[in-house]
Amino acid sequence: MSGISKLPYAFVDLYRSRRGISMDMSVIRERMEELGIDLATLTRRYCEIRRRKGDESATPVNRRNMLAKAISDQGNPTLETFMDILAALDGKVLIEWKSTKVKEFGGDNAA
């Protein structure tokens, strides 16, 4: 994934297994490095998001190990955890439908 820090987005192939999301979590670790965020800061941000969603049990003490595993090379977070990690890193998900044709407007094709 060379040059990923130069892009405003990252292309990630992921698929959902019964146990969670399977993907190369290095993109998450690279984003943390880009933002200067360590695991403790990510954990605090993640817990703030979870508490806003009503999960009062989300504290850094009881979520740190789970997040460390989730962002490791063996990480297999649930979709909800993955989305909350992205939110903690100021990220979002864009969906590209494989069967959709893209139309270009403007540019050299403008009338």
PDB file of N, CA and C in Angstrom:
ATOM      1  N   MET A   1       0.820  -1.182   0.000  1.00  0.00           N
ATOM      2  CA  MET A   1       0.000   0.000   0.000  1.00  0.00           C
ATOM      3  C   MET A   1       0.867   1.250   0.000  1.00  0.00           C
ATOM      4  N   SER A   2       1.872   1.233  -0.817  1.00  0.00           N
ATOM      5  CA  SER A   2       2.768   2.372  -0.845  1.00  0.00           C
ATOM      6  C   SER A   2       2.046   3.601  -1.364  1.00  0.00           C
ATOM      7  N   GLY A   3       2.367   4.738  -0.814  1.00  0.00           N
ATOM      8  CA  GLY A   3       1.798   5.989  -1.237  1.00  0.00           C
ATOM      9  C   GLY A   3       0.419   6.281  -0.683  1.00  0.00           C
ATOM     10  N   ILE A   4      -0.043   5.450   0.198  1.00  0.00           N
ATOM     11  CA  ILE A   4      -1.404   5.640   0.702  1.00  0.00           C
ATOM     12  C   ILE A   4      -1.550   6.945   1.465  1.00  0.00           C
ATOM     13  N   SER A   5      -0.490   7.398   2.122  1.00  0.00           N
ATOM     14  CA  SER A   5      -0.594   8.640   2.881  1.00  0.00           C
ATOM     15  C   SER A   5      -0.734   9.848   1.958  1.00  0.00           C
ATOM     16  N   LYS A   6      -0.417   9.686   0.667  1.00  0.00           N
ATOM     17  CA  LYS A   6      -0.554  10.780  -0.286  1.00  0.00           C
ATOM     18  C   LYS A   6      -1.988  10.906  -0.799  1.00  0.00           C
ATOM     19  N   LEU A   7      -2.789   9.874  -0.595  1.00  0.00           N
ATOM     20  CA  LEU A   7      -4.152   9.881  -1.083  1.00  0.00           C
ATOM     21  C   LEU A   7      -5.110  10.339   0.010  1.00  0.00           C
ATOM     22  N   PRO A   8      -6.200  11.027  -0.367  1.00  0.00           N
ATOM     23  CA  PRO A   8      -7.192  11.404   0.628  1.00  0.00           C
ATOM     24  C   PRO A   8      -8.102  10.234   0.983  1.00  0.00           C
ATOM     25  N   TYR A   9      -7.904   9.099   0.370  1.00  0.00           N
ATOM     26  CA  TYR A   9      -8.720   7.918   0.612  1.00  0.00           C
ATOM     27  C   TYR A   9      -7.878   6.677   0.375  1.00  0.00           C
ATOM     28  N   ALA A  10      -8.370   5.555   0.795  1.00  0.00           N
ATOM     29  CA  ALA A  10      -7.675   4.288   0.582  1.00  0.00           C
ATOM     30  C   ALA A  10      -8.658   3.286   0.008  1.00  0.00           C
ATOM     31  N   PHE A  11      -8.211   2.509  -0.940  1.00  0.00           N
ATOM     32  CA  PHE A  11      -9.028   1.431  -1.471  1.00  0.00           C
ATOM     33  C   PHE A  11      -8.747   0.189  -0.652  1.00  0.00           C
ATOM     34  N   VAL A  12      -9.769  -0.378  -0.094  1.00  0.00           N
ATOM     35  CA  VAL A  12      -9.596  -1.557   0.748  1.00  0.00           C
ATOM     36  C   VAL A  12     -10.598  -2.609   0.311  1.00  0.00           C
ATOM     37  N   ASP A  13     -10.101  -3.791   0.010  1.00  0.00           N
ATOM     38  CA  ASP A  13     -10.995  -4.908  -0.242  1.00  0.00           C
ATOM     39  C   ASP A  13     -11.321  -5.533   1.097  1.00  0.00           C
ATOM     40  N   LEU A  14     -12.605  -5.636   1.388  1.00  0.00           N
ATOM     41  CA  LEU A  14     -12.984  -6.295   2.629  1.00  0.00           C
ATOM     42  C   LEU A  14     -14.189  -7.167   2.370  1.00  0.00           C
ATOM     43  N   TYR A  15     -14.306  -8.169   3.153  1.00  0.00           N
ATOM     44  CA  TYR A  15     -15.481  -9.020   3.075  1.00  0.00           C
ATOM     45  C   TYR A  15     -15.884  -9.389   4.479  1.00  0.00           C
ATOM     46  N   ARG A  16     -17.137  -9.675   4.628  1.00  0.00           N
ATOM     47  CA  ARG A  16     -17.688  -9.976   5.940  1.00  0.00           C
ATOM     48  C   ARG A  16     -17.712 -11.486   6.129  1.00  0.00           C
ATOM     49  N   SER A  17     -17.103 -11.929   7.193  1.00  0.00           N
ATOM     50  CA  SER A  17     -17.182 -13.331   7.560  1.00  0.00           C
ATOM     51  C   SER A  17     -18.174 -13.442   8.712  1.00  0.00           C
ATOM     52  N   ARG A  18     -18.438 -14.637   9.152  1.00  0.00           N
ATOM     53  CA  ARG A  18     -19.368 -14.801  10.268  1.00  0.00           C
ATOM     54  C   ARG A  18     -18.833 -14.140  11.533  1.00  0.00           C
ATOM     55  N   ARG A  19     -17.532 -14.027  11.633  1.00  0.00           N
ATOM     56  CA  ARG A  19     -16.938 -13.482  12.857  1.00  0.00           C
ATOM     57  C   ARG A  19     -16.566 -12.020  12.754  1.00  0.00           C
ATOM     58  N   GLY A  20     -16.669 -11.408  11.582  1.00  0.00           N
ATOM     59  CA  GLY A  20     -16.329  -9.993  11.501  1.00  0.00           C
ATOM     60  C   GLY A  20     -15.833  -9.583  10.132  1.00  0.00           C
ATOM     61  N   ILE A  21     -15.062  -8.522  10.107  1.00  0.00           N
ATOM     62  CA  ILE A  21     -14.524  -7.963   8.874  1.00  0.00           C
ATOM     63  C   ILE A  21     -13.120  -8.515   8.663  1.00  0.00           C
ATOM     64  N   SER A  22     -12.845  -8.989   7.466  1.00  0.00           N
ATOM     65  CA  SER A  22     -11.506  -9.462   7.140  1.00  0.00           C
ATOM     66  C   SER A  22     -10.891  -8.470   6.154  1.00  0.00           C
ATOM     67  N   MET A  23      -9.820  -7.865   6.557  1.00  0.00           N
ATOM     68  CA  MET A  23      -9.136  -6.906   5.698  1.00  0.00           C
ATOM     69  C   MET A  23      -7.731  -6.662   6.228  1.00  0.00           C
ATOM     70  N   ASP A  24      -6.951  -5.986   5.436  1.00  0.00           N
ATOM     71  CA  ASP A  24      -5.613  -5.585   5.840  1.00  0.00           C
ATOM     72  C   ASP A  24      -5.754  -4.363   6.735  1.00  0.00           C
ATOM     73  N   MET A  25      -5.565  -4.538   8.027  1.00  0.00           N
ATOM     74  CA  MET A  25      -5.767  -3.446   8.978  1.00  0.00           C
ATOM     75  C   MET A  25      -4.600  -2.458   8.995  1.00  0.00           C
ATOM     76  N   SER A  26      -3.603  -2.673   8.151  1.00  0.00           N
ATOM     77  CA  SER A  26      -2.482  -1.724   8.124  1.00  0.00           C
ATOM     78  C   SER A  26      -2.954  -0.336   7.705  1.00  0.00           C
ATOM     79  N   VAL A  27      -4.039  -0.245   6.934  1.00  0.00           N
ATOM     80  CA  VAL A  27      -4.552   1.056   6.536  1.00  0.00           C
ATOM     81  C   VAL A  27      -5.010   1.846   7.775  1.00  0.00           C
ATOM     82  N   ILE A  28      -5.524   1.156   8.774  1.00  0.00           N
ATOM     83  CA  ILE A  28      -5.932   1.806  10.024  1.00  0.00           C
ATOM     84  C   ILE A  28      -4.701   2.291  10.770  1.00  0.00           C
ATOM     85  N   ARG A  29      -3.689   1.429  10.878  1.00  0.00           N
ATOM     86  CA  ARG A  29      -2.459   1.812  11.585  1.00  0.00           C
ATOM     87  C   ARG A  29      -1.746   2.957  10.867  1.00  0.00           C
ATOM     88  N   GLU A  30      -1.777   2.965   9.537  1.00  0.00           N
ATOM     89  CA  GLU A  30      -1.166   4.059   8.782  1.00  0.00           C
ATOM     90  C   GLU A  30      -1.894   5.376   9.041  1.00  0.00           C
ATOM     91  N   ARG A  31      -3.218   5.312   9.131  1.00  0.00           N
ATOM     92  CA  ARG A  31      -3.989   6.526   9.427  1.00  0.00           C
ATOM     93  C   ARG A  31      -3.669   7.038  10.828  1.00  0.00           C
ATOM     94  N   MET A  32      -3.538   6.121  11.784  1.00  0.00           N
ATOM     95  CA  MET A  32      -3.172   6.524  13.141  1.00  0.00           C
ATOM     96  C   MET A  32      -1.828   7.240  13.129  1.00  0.00           C
ATOM     97  N   GLU A  33      -0.870   6.696  12.391  1.00  0.00           N
ATOM     98  CA  GLU A  33       0.451   7.317  12.309  1.00  0.00           C
ATOM     99  C   GLU A  33       0.354   8.694  11.650  1.00  0.00           C
ATOM    100  N   GLU A  34      -0.426   8.782  10.592  1.00  0.00           N
ATOM    101  CA  GLU A  34      -0.616  10.047   9.887  1.00  0.00           C
ATOM    102  C   GLU A  34      -1.174  11.127  10.804  1.00  0.00           C
ATOM    103  N   LEU A  35      -2.105  10.737  11.693  1.00  0.00           N
ATOM    104  CA  LEU A  35      -2.717  11.681  12.615  1.00  0.00           C
ATOM    105  C   LEU A  35      -1.928  11.866  13.909  1.00  0.00           C
ATOM    106  N   GLY A  36      -0.883  11.055  14.111  1.00  0.00           N
ATOM    107  CA  GLY A  36      -0.118  11.124  15.346  1.00  0.00           C
ATOM    108  C   GLY A  36      -0.888  10.570  16.534  1.00  0.00           C
ATOM    109  N   ILE A  37      -1.715   9.563  16.282  1.00  0.00           N
ATOM    110  CA  ILE A  37      -2.572   8.973  17.311  1.00  0.00           C
ATOM    111  C   ILE A  37      -1.996   7.634  17.760  1.00  0.00           C
ATOM    112  N   ASP A  38      -1.884   7.459  19.064  1.00  0.00           N
ATOM    113  CA  ASP A  38      -1.453   6.171  19.592  1.00  0.00           C
ATOM    114  C   ASP A  38      -2.683   5.357  19.994  1.00  0.00           C
ATOM    115  N   LEU A  39      -2.451   4.132  20.472  1.00  0.00           N
ATOM    116  CA  LEU A  39      -3.555   3.251  20.848  1.00  0.00           C
ATOM    117  C   LEU A  39      -4.399   3.860  21.962  1.00  0.00           C
ATOM    118  N   ALA A  40      -3.773   4.518  22.919  1.00  0.00           N
ATOM    119  CA  ALA A  40      -4.525   5.123  24.026  1.00  0.00           C
ATOM    120  C   ALA A  40      -5.481   6.197  23.519  1.00  0.00           C
ATOM    121  N   THR A  41      -5.022   7.026  22.594  1.00  0.00           N
ATOM    122  CA  THR A  41      -5.878   8.077  22.043  1.00  0.00           C
ATOM    123  C   THR A  41      -7.000   7.486  21.205  1.00  0.00           C
ATOM    124  N   LEU A  42      -6.683   6.496  20.381  1.00  0.00           N
ATOM    125  CA  LEU A  42      -7.717   5.814  19.599  1.00  0.00           C
ATOM    126  C   LEU A  42      -8.764   5.209  20.524  1.00  0.00           C
ATOM    127  N   THR A  43      -8.319   4.590  21.600  1.00  0.00           N
ATOM    128  CA  THR A  43      -9.241   3.963  22.550  1.00  0.00           C
ATOM    129  C   THR A  43     -10.157   4.997  23.179  1.00  0.00           C
ATOM    130  N   ARG A  44      -9.621   6.135  23.591  1.00  0.00           N
ATOM    131  CA  ARG A  44     -10.453   7.195  24.166  1.00  0.00           C
ATOM    132  C   ARG A  44     -11.486   7.698  23.158  1.00  0.00           C
ATOM    133  N   ARG A  45     -11.052   7.931  21.933  1.00  0.00           N
ATOM    134  CA  ARG A  45     -11.978   8.404  20.893  1.00  0.00           C
ATOM    135  C   ARG A  45     -13.064   7.353  20.619  1.00  0.00           C
ATOM    136  N   TYR A  46     -12.652   6.103  20.518  1.00  0.00           N
ATOM    137  CA  TYR A  46     -13.588   5.007  20.271  1.00  0.00           C
ATOM    138  C   TYR A  46     -14.625   4.933  21.393  1.00  0.00           C
ATOM    139  N   CYS A  47     -14.171   5.021  22.629  1.00  0.00           N
ATOM    140  CA  CYS A  47     -15.085   4.933  23.777  1.00  0.00           C
ATOM    141  C   CYS A  47     -16.055   6.111  23.819  1.00  0.00           C
ATOM    142  N   GLU A  48     -15.602   7.292  23.434  1.00  0.00           N
ATOM    143  CA  GLU A  48     -16.499   8.445  23.363  1.00  0.00           C
ATOM    144  C   GLU A  48     -17.614   8.191  22.359  1.00  0.00           C
ATOM    145  N   ILE A  49     -17.279   7.632  21.222  1.00  0.00           N
ATOM    146  CA  ILE A  49     -18.275   7.309  20.199  1.00  0.00           C
ATOM    147  C   ILE A  49     -19.257   6.265  20.727  1.00  0.00           C
ATOM    148  N   ARG A  50     -18.735   5.227  21.359  1.00  0.00           N
ATOM    149  CA  ARG A  50     -19.602   4.167  21.883  1.00  0.00           C
ATOM    150  C   ARG A  50     -20.530   4.703  22.974  1.00  0.00           C
ATOM    151  N   ARG A  51     -20.021   5.581  23.845  1.00  0.00           N
ATOM    152  CA  ARG A  51     -20.867   6.143  24.906  1.00  0.00           C
ATOM    153  C   ARG A  51     -21.960   7.040  24.333  1.00  0.00           C
ATOM    154  N   ARG A  52     -21.649   7.788  23.269  1.00  0.00           N
ATOM    155  CA  ARG A  52     -22.680   8.594  22.609  1.00  0.00           C
ATOM    156  C   ARG A  52     -23.781   7.713  22.031  1.00  0.00           C
ATOM    157  N   LYS A  53     -23.439   6.482  21.724  1.00  0.00           N
ATOM    158  CA  LYS A  53     -24.426   5.528  21.208  1.00  0.00           C
ATOM    159  C   LYS A  53     -25.146   4.792  22.335  1.00  0.00           C
ATOM    160  N   GLY A  54     -24.838   5.148  23.581  1.00  0.00           N
ATOM    161  CA  GLY A  54     -25.532   4.562  24.715  1.00  0.00           C
ATOM    162  C   GLY A  54     -24.823   3.400  25.378  1.00  0.00           C
ATOM    163  N   ASP A  55     -23.613   3.091  24.959  1.00  0.00           N
ATOM    164  CA  ASP A  55     -22.848   1.990  25.556  1.00  0.00           C
ATOM    165  C   ASP A  55     -22.051   2.526  26.737  1.00  0.00           C
ATOM    166  N   GLU A  56     -22.683   2.563  27.902  1.00  0.00           N
ATOM    167  CA  GLU A  56     -22.042   3.119  29.096  1.00  0.00           C
ATOM    168  C   GLU A  56     -20.880   2.260  29.596  1.00  0.00           C
ATOM    169  N   SER A  57     -20.819   1.012  29.160  1.00  0.00           N
ATOM    170  CA  SER A  57     -19.717   0.143  29.607  1.00  0.00           C
ATOM    171  C   SER A  57     -18.435   0.381  28.817  1.00  0.00           C
ATOM    172  N   ALA A  58     -18.482   1.236  27.790  1.00  0.00           N
ATOM    173  CA  ALA A  58     -17.302   1.491  26.963  1.00  0.00           C
ATOM    174  C   ALA A  58     -16.342   2.425  27.690  1.00  0.00           C
ATOM    175  N   THR A  59     -15.331   1.848  28.308  1.00  0.00           N
ATOM    176  CA  THR A  59     -14.289   2.621  28.966  1.00  0.00           C
ATOM    177  C   THR A  59     -12.946   2.193  28.398  1.00  0.00           C
ATOM    178  N   PRO A  60     -11.967   3.092  28.390  1.00  0.00           N
ATOM    179  CA  PRO A  60     -10.654   2.715  27.863  1.00  0.00           C
ATOM    180  C   PRO A  60     -10.064   1.473  28.532  1.00  0.00           C
ATOM    181  N   VAL A  61     -10.332   1.293  29.815  1.00  0.00           N
ATOM    182  CA  VAL A  61      -9.778   0.137  30.527  1.00  0.00           C
ATOM    183  C   VAL A  61     -10.287  -1.179  29.947  1.00  0.00           C
ATOM    184  N   ASN A  62     -11.589  -1.225  29.610  1.00  0.00           N
ATOM    185  CA  ASN A  62     -12.117  -2.504  29.136  1.00  0.00           C
ATOM    186  C   ASN A  62     -12.195  -2.621  27.614  1.00  0.00           C
ATOM    187  N   ARG A  63     -11.737  -1.618  26.868  1.00  0.00           N
ATOM    188  CA  ARG A  63     -11.762  -1.707  25.400  1.00  0.00           C
ATOM    189  C   ARG A  63     -10.376  -1.691  24.759  1.00  0.00           C
ATOM    190  N   ARG A  64      -9.355  -1.368  25.538  1.00  0.00           N
ATOM    191  CA  ARG A  64      -8.001  -1.249  24.969  1.00  0.00           C
ATOM    192  C   ARG A  64      -7.520  -2.536  24.313  1.00  0.00           C
ATOM    193  N   ASN A  65      -7.620  -3.666  25.007  1.00  0.00           N
ATOM    194  CA  ASN A  65      -7.143  -4.928  24.436  1.00  0.00           C
ATOM    195  C   ASN A  65      -7.943  -5.336  23.208  1.00  0.00           C
ATOM    196  N   MET A  66      -9.265  -5.107  23.242  1.00  0.00           N
ATOM    197  CA  MET A  66     -10.109  -5.435  22.104  1.00  0.00           C
ATOM    198  C   MET A  66      -9.701  -4.622  20.876  1.00  0.00           C
ATOM    199  N   LEU A  67      -9.437  -3.321  21.064  1.00  0.00           N
ATOM    200  CA  LEU A  67      -9.020  -2.482  19.944  1.00  0.00           C
ATOM    201  C   LEU A  67      -7.627  -2.846  19.449  1.00  0.00           C
ATOM    202  N   ALA A  68      -6.724  -3.170  20.369  1.00  0.00           N
ATOM    203  CA  ALA A  68      -5.377  -3.583  19.965  1.00  0.00           C
ATOM    204  C   ALA A  68      -5.459  -4.809  19.062  1.00  0.00           C
ATOM    205  N   LYS A  69      -6.297  -5.758  19.422  1.00  0.00           N
ATOM    206  CA  LYS A  69      -6.464  -6.952  18.597  1.00  0.00           C
ATOM    207  C   LYS A  69      -7.159  -6.609  17.280  1.00  0.00           C
ATOM    208  N   ALA A  70      -8.172  -5.745  17.325  1.00  0.00           N
ATOM    209  CA  ALA A  70      -8.930  -5.390  16.125  1.00  0.00           C
ATOM    210  C   ALA A  70      -8.052  -4.752  15.055  1.00  0.00           C
ATOM    211  N   ILE A  71      -7.074  -3.937  15.456  1.00  0.00           N
ATOM    212  CA  ILE A  71      -6.241  -3.250  14.469  1.00  0.00           C
ATOM    213  C   ILE A  71      -4.947  -4.002  14.174  1.00  0.00           C
ATOM    214  N   SER A  72      -4.758  -5.166  14.780  1.00  0.00           N
ATOM    215  CA  SER A  72      -3.563  -5.970  14.532  1.00  0.00           C
ATOM    216  C   SER A  72      -3.712  -6.707  13.202  1.00  0.00           C
ATOM    217  N   ASP A  73      -2.627  -7.344  12.764  1.00  0.00           N
ATOM    218  CA  ASP A  73      -2.668  -8.118  11.524  1.00  0.00           C
ATOM    219  C   ASP A  73      -3.645  -9.284  11.623  1.00  0.00           C
ATOM    220  N   GLN A  74      -3.948  -9.729  12.833  1.00  0.00           N
ATOM    221  CA  GLN A  74      -4.911 -10.809  13.036  1.00  0.00           C
ATOM    222  C   GLN A  74      -6.297 -10.257  13.355  1.00  0.00           C
ATOM    223  N   GLY A  75      -6.461  -8.958  13.173  1.00  0.00           N
ATOM    224  CA  GLY A  75      -7.726  -8.307  13.506  1.00  0.00           C
ATOM    225  C   GLY A  75      -8.889  -8.841  12.694  1.00  0.00           C
ATOM    226  N   ASN A  76     -10.020  -8.966  13.337  1.00  0.00           N
ATOM    227  CA  ASN A  76     -11.240  -9.443  12.704  1.00  0.00           C
ATOM    228  C   ASN A  76     -12.428  -8.766  13.396  1.00  0.00           C
ATOM    229  N   PRO A  77     -12.473  -7.404  13.340  1.00  0.00           N
ATOM    230  CA  PRO A  77     -13.505  -6.691  14.096  1.00  0.00           C
ATOM    231  C   PRO A  77     -14.891  -6.898  13.493  1.00  0.00           C
ATOM    232  N   THR A  78     -15.907  -6.710  14.306  1.00  0.00           N
ATOM    233  CA  THR A  78     -17.266  -6.711  13.780  1.00  0.00           C
ATOM    234  C   THR A  78     -17.429  -5.475  12.912  1.00  0.00           C
ATOM    235  N   LEU A  79     -18.454  -5.464  12.098  1.00  0.00           N
ATOM    236  CA  LEU A  79     -18.703  -4.303  11.244  1.00  0.00           C
ATOM    237  C   LEU A  79     -18.927  -3.054  12.093  1.00  0.00           C
ATOM    238  N   GLU A  80     -19.655  -3.184  13.190  1.00  0.00           N
ATOM    239  CA  GLU A  80     -19.918  -2.042  14.069  1.00  0.00           C
ATOM    240  C   GLU A  80     -18.612  -1.495  14.659  1.00  0.00           C
ATOM    241  N   THR A  81     -17.747  -2.376  15.118  1.00  0.00           N
ATOM    242  CA  THR A  81     -16.457  -1.942  15.666  1.00  0.00           C
ATOM    243  C   THR A  81     -15.625  -1.263  14.595  1.00  0.00           C
ATOM    244  N   PHE A  82     -15.578  -1.851  13.410  1.00  0.00           N
ATOM    245  CA  PHE A  82     -14.825  -1.276  12.294  1.00  0.00           C
ATOM    246  C   PHE A  82     -15.319   0.134  11.974  1.00  0.00           C
ATOM    247  N   MET A  83     -16.635   0.311  11.903  1.00  0.00           N
ATOM    248  CA  MET A  83     -17.194   1.625  11.590  1.00  0.00           C
ATOM    249  C   MET A  83     -16.881   2.638  12.692  1.00  0.00           C
ATOM    250  N   ASP A  84     -16.899   2.199  13.946  1.00  0.00           N
ATOM    251  CA  ASP A  84     -16.581   3.110  15.047  1.00  0.00           C
ATOM    252  C   ASP A  84     -15.096   3.467  15.060  1.00  0.00           C
ATOM    253  N   ILE A  85     -14.230   2.539  14.686  1.00  0.00           N
ATOM    254  CA  ILE A  85     -12.792   2.841  14.561  1.00  0.00           C
ATOM    255  C   ILE A  85     -12.592   3.877  13.459  1.00  0.00           C
ATOM    256  N   LEU A  86     -13.262   3.687  12.320  1.00  0.00           N
ATOM    257  CA  LEU A  86     -13.157   4.673  11.240  1.00  0.00           C
ATOM    258  C   LEU A  86     -13.612   6.047  11.700  1.00  0.00           C
ATOM    259  N   ALA A  87     -14.725   6.093  12.421  1.00  0.00           N
ATOM    260  CA  ALA A  87     -15.224   7.375  12.922  1.00  0.00           C
ATOM    261  C   ALA A  87     -14.227   8.013  13.884  1.00  0.00           C
ATOM    262  N   ALA A  88     -13.585   7.204  14.710  1.00  0.00           N
ATOM    263  CA  ALA A  88     -12.593   7.716  15.664  1.00  0.00           C
ATOM    264  C   ALA A  88     -11.380   8.300  14.946  1.00  0.00           C
ATOM    265  N   LEU A  89     -11.159   7.861  13.705  1.00  0.00           N
ATOM    266  CA  LEU A  89     -10.039   8.360  12.912  1.00  0.00           C
ATOM    267  C   LEU A  89     -10.500   9.360  11.855  1.00  0.00           C
ATOM    268  N   ASP A  90     -11.699   9.921  12.051  1.00  0.00           N
ATOM    269  CA  ASP A  90     -12.274  10.902  11.125  1.00  0.00           C
ATOM    270  C   ASP A  90     -12.419  10.339   9.718  1.00  0.00           C
ATOM    271  N   GLY A  91     -12.801   9.080   9.617  1.00  0.00           N
ATOM    272  CA  GLY A  91     -12.977   8.438   8.325  1.00  0.00           C
ATOM    273  C   GLY A  91     -14.430   8.198   7.996  1.00  0.00           C
ATOM    274  N   LYS A  92     -14.666   7.788   6.773  1.00  0.00           N
ATOM    275  CA  LYS A  92     -16.000   7.423   6.323  1.00  0.00           C
ATOM    276  C   LYS A  92     -15.854   6.325   5.278  1.00  0.00           C
ATOM    277  N   VAL A  93     -16.956   5.708   4.945  1.00  0.00           N
ATOM    278  CA  VAL A  93     -16.961   4.624   3.979  1.00  0.00           C
ATOM    279  C   VAL A  93     -17.689   5.091   2.728  1.00  0.00           C
ATOM    280  N   LEU A  94     -17.086   4.827   1.603  1.00  0.00           N
ATOM    281  CA  LEU A  94     -17.719   5.084   0.318  1.00  0.00           C
ATOM    282  C   LEU A  94     -17.984   3.732  -0.329  1.00  0.00           C
ATOM    283  N   ILE A  95     -19.159   3.565  -0.887  1.00  0.00           N
ATOM    284  CA  ILE A  95     -19.517   2.295  -1.502  1.00  0.00           C
ATOM    285  C   ILE A  95     -19.469   2.439  -3.014  1.00  0.00           C
ATOM    286  N   GLU A  96     -18.817   1.492  -3.658  1.00  0.00           N
ATOM    287  CA  GLU A  96     -18.786   1.437  -5.108  1.00  0.00           C
ATOM    288  C   GLU A  96     -19.493   0.160  -5.531  1.00  0.00           C
ATOM    289  N   TRP A  97     -20.586   0.298  -6.229  1.00  0.00           N
ATOM    290  CA  TRP A  97     -21.333  -0.865  -6.698  1.00  0.00           C
ATOM    291  C   TRP A  97     -20.654  -1.399  -7.950  1.00  0.00           C
ATOM    292  N   LYS A  98     -20.340  -2.672  -7.987  1.00  0.00           N
ATOM    293  CA  LYS A  98     -19.643  -3.276  -9.126  1.00  0.00           C
ATOM    294  C   LYS A  98     -20.450  -3.216 -10.405  1.00  0.00           C
ATOM    295  N   SER A  99     -21.762  -3.315 -10.308  1.00  0.00           N
ATOM    296  CA  SER A  99     -22.597  -3.378 -11.508  1.00  0.00           C
ATOM    297  C   SER A  99     -23.060  -2.005 -12.004  1.00  0.00           C
ATOM    298  N   THR A 100     -22.591  -0.929 -11.397  1.00  0.00           N
ATOM    299  CA  THR A 100     -23.031   0.409 -11.779  1.00  0.00           C
ATOM    300  C   THR A 100     -22.054   1.021 -12.765  1.00  0.00           C
ATOM    301  N   LYS A 101     -22.600   1.571 -13.839  1.00  0.00           N
ATOM    302  CA  LYS A 101     -21.767   2.262 -14.813  1.00  0.00           C
ATOM    303  C   LYS A 101     -21.611   3.711 -14.371  1.00  0.00           C
ATOM    304  N   VAL A 102     -20.425   4.213 -14.471  1.00  0.00           N
ATOM    305  CA  VAL A 102     -20.126   5.582 -14.052  1.00  0.00           C
ATOM    306  C   VAL A 102     -20.280   6.496 -15.267  1.00  0.00           C
ATOM    307  N   LYS A 103     -20.971   7.590 -15.078  1.00  0.00           N
ATOM    308  CA  LYS A 103     -21.129   8.582 -16.145  1.00  0.00           C
ATOM    309  C   LYS A 103     -20.293   9.795 -15.773  1.00  0.00           C
ATOM    310  N   GLU A 104     -19.629  10.333 -16.749  1.00  0.00           N
ATOM    311  CA  GLU A 104     -18.810  11.514 -16.524  1.00  0.00           C
ATOM    312  C   GLU A 104     -19.548  12.740 -17.036  1.00  0.00           C
ATOM    313  N   PHE A 105     -19.568  13.780 -16.233  1.00  0.00           N
ATOM    314  CA  PHE A 105     -20.223  15.014 -16.615  1.00  0.00           C
ATOM    315  C   PHE A 105     -19.201  16.134 -16.566  1.00  0.00           C
ATOM    316  N   GLY A 106     -19.281  17.044 -17.514  1.00  0.00           N
ATOM    317  CA  GLY A 106     -18.365  18.174 -17.553  1.00  0.00           C
ATOM    318  C   GLY A 106     -17.031  17.786 -18.169  1.00  0.00           C
ATOM    319  N   GLY A 107     -16.032  18.563 -17.895  1.00  0.00           N
ATOM    320  CA  GLY A 107     -14.695  18.286 -18.427  1.00  0.00           C
ATOM    321  C   GLY A 107     -14.657  18.334 -19.934  1.00  0.00           C
ATOM    322  N   ASP A 108     -13.873  17.454 -20.569  1.00  0.00           N
ATOM    323  CA  ASP A 108     -13.718  17.432 -22.034  1.00  0.00           C
ATOM    324  C   ASP A 108     -14.998  17.020 -22.746  1.00  0.00           C
ATOM    325  N   ASN A 109     -15.922  16.377 -22.060  1.00  0.00           N
ATOM    326  CA  ASN A 109     -17.158  15.924 -22.689  1.00  0.00           C
ATOM    327  C   ASN A 109     -18.275  16.960 -22.621  1.00  0.00           C
ATOM    328  N   ALA A 110     -17.991  18.115 -22.056  1.00  0.00           N
ATOM    329  CA  ALA A 110     -19.035  19.137 -21.892  1.00  0.00           C
ATOM    330  C   ALA A 110     -19.448  19.691 -23.247  1.00  0.00           C
ATOM    331  N   ALA A 111     -20.719  19.959 -23.395  1.00  0.00           N
ATOM    332  CA  ALA A 111     -21.229  20.471 -24.663  1.00  0.00           C
ATOM    333  C   ALA A 111     -21.054  21.974 -24.728  1.00  0.00           C
TER     334      ALA A 111
END
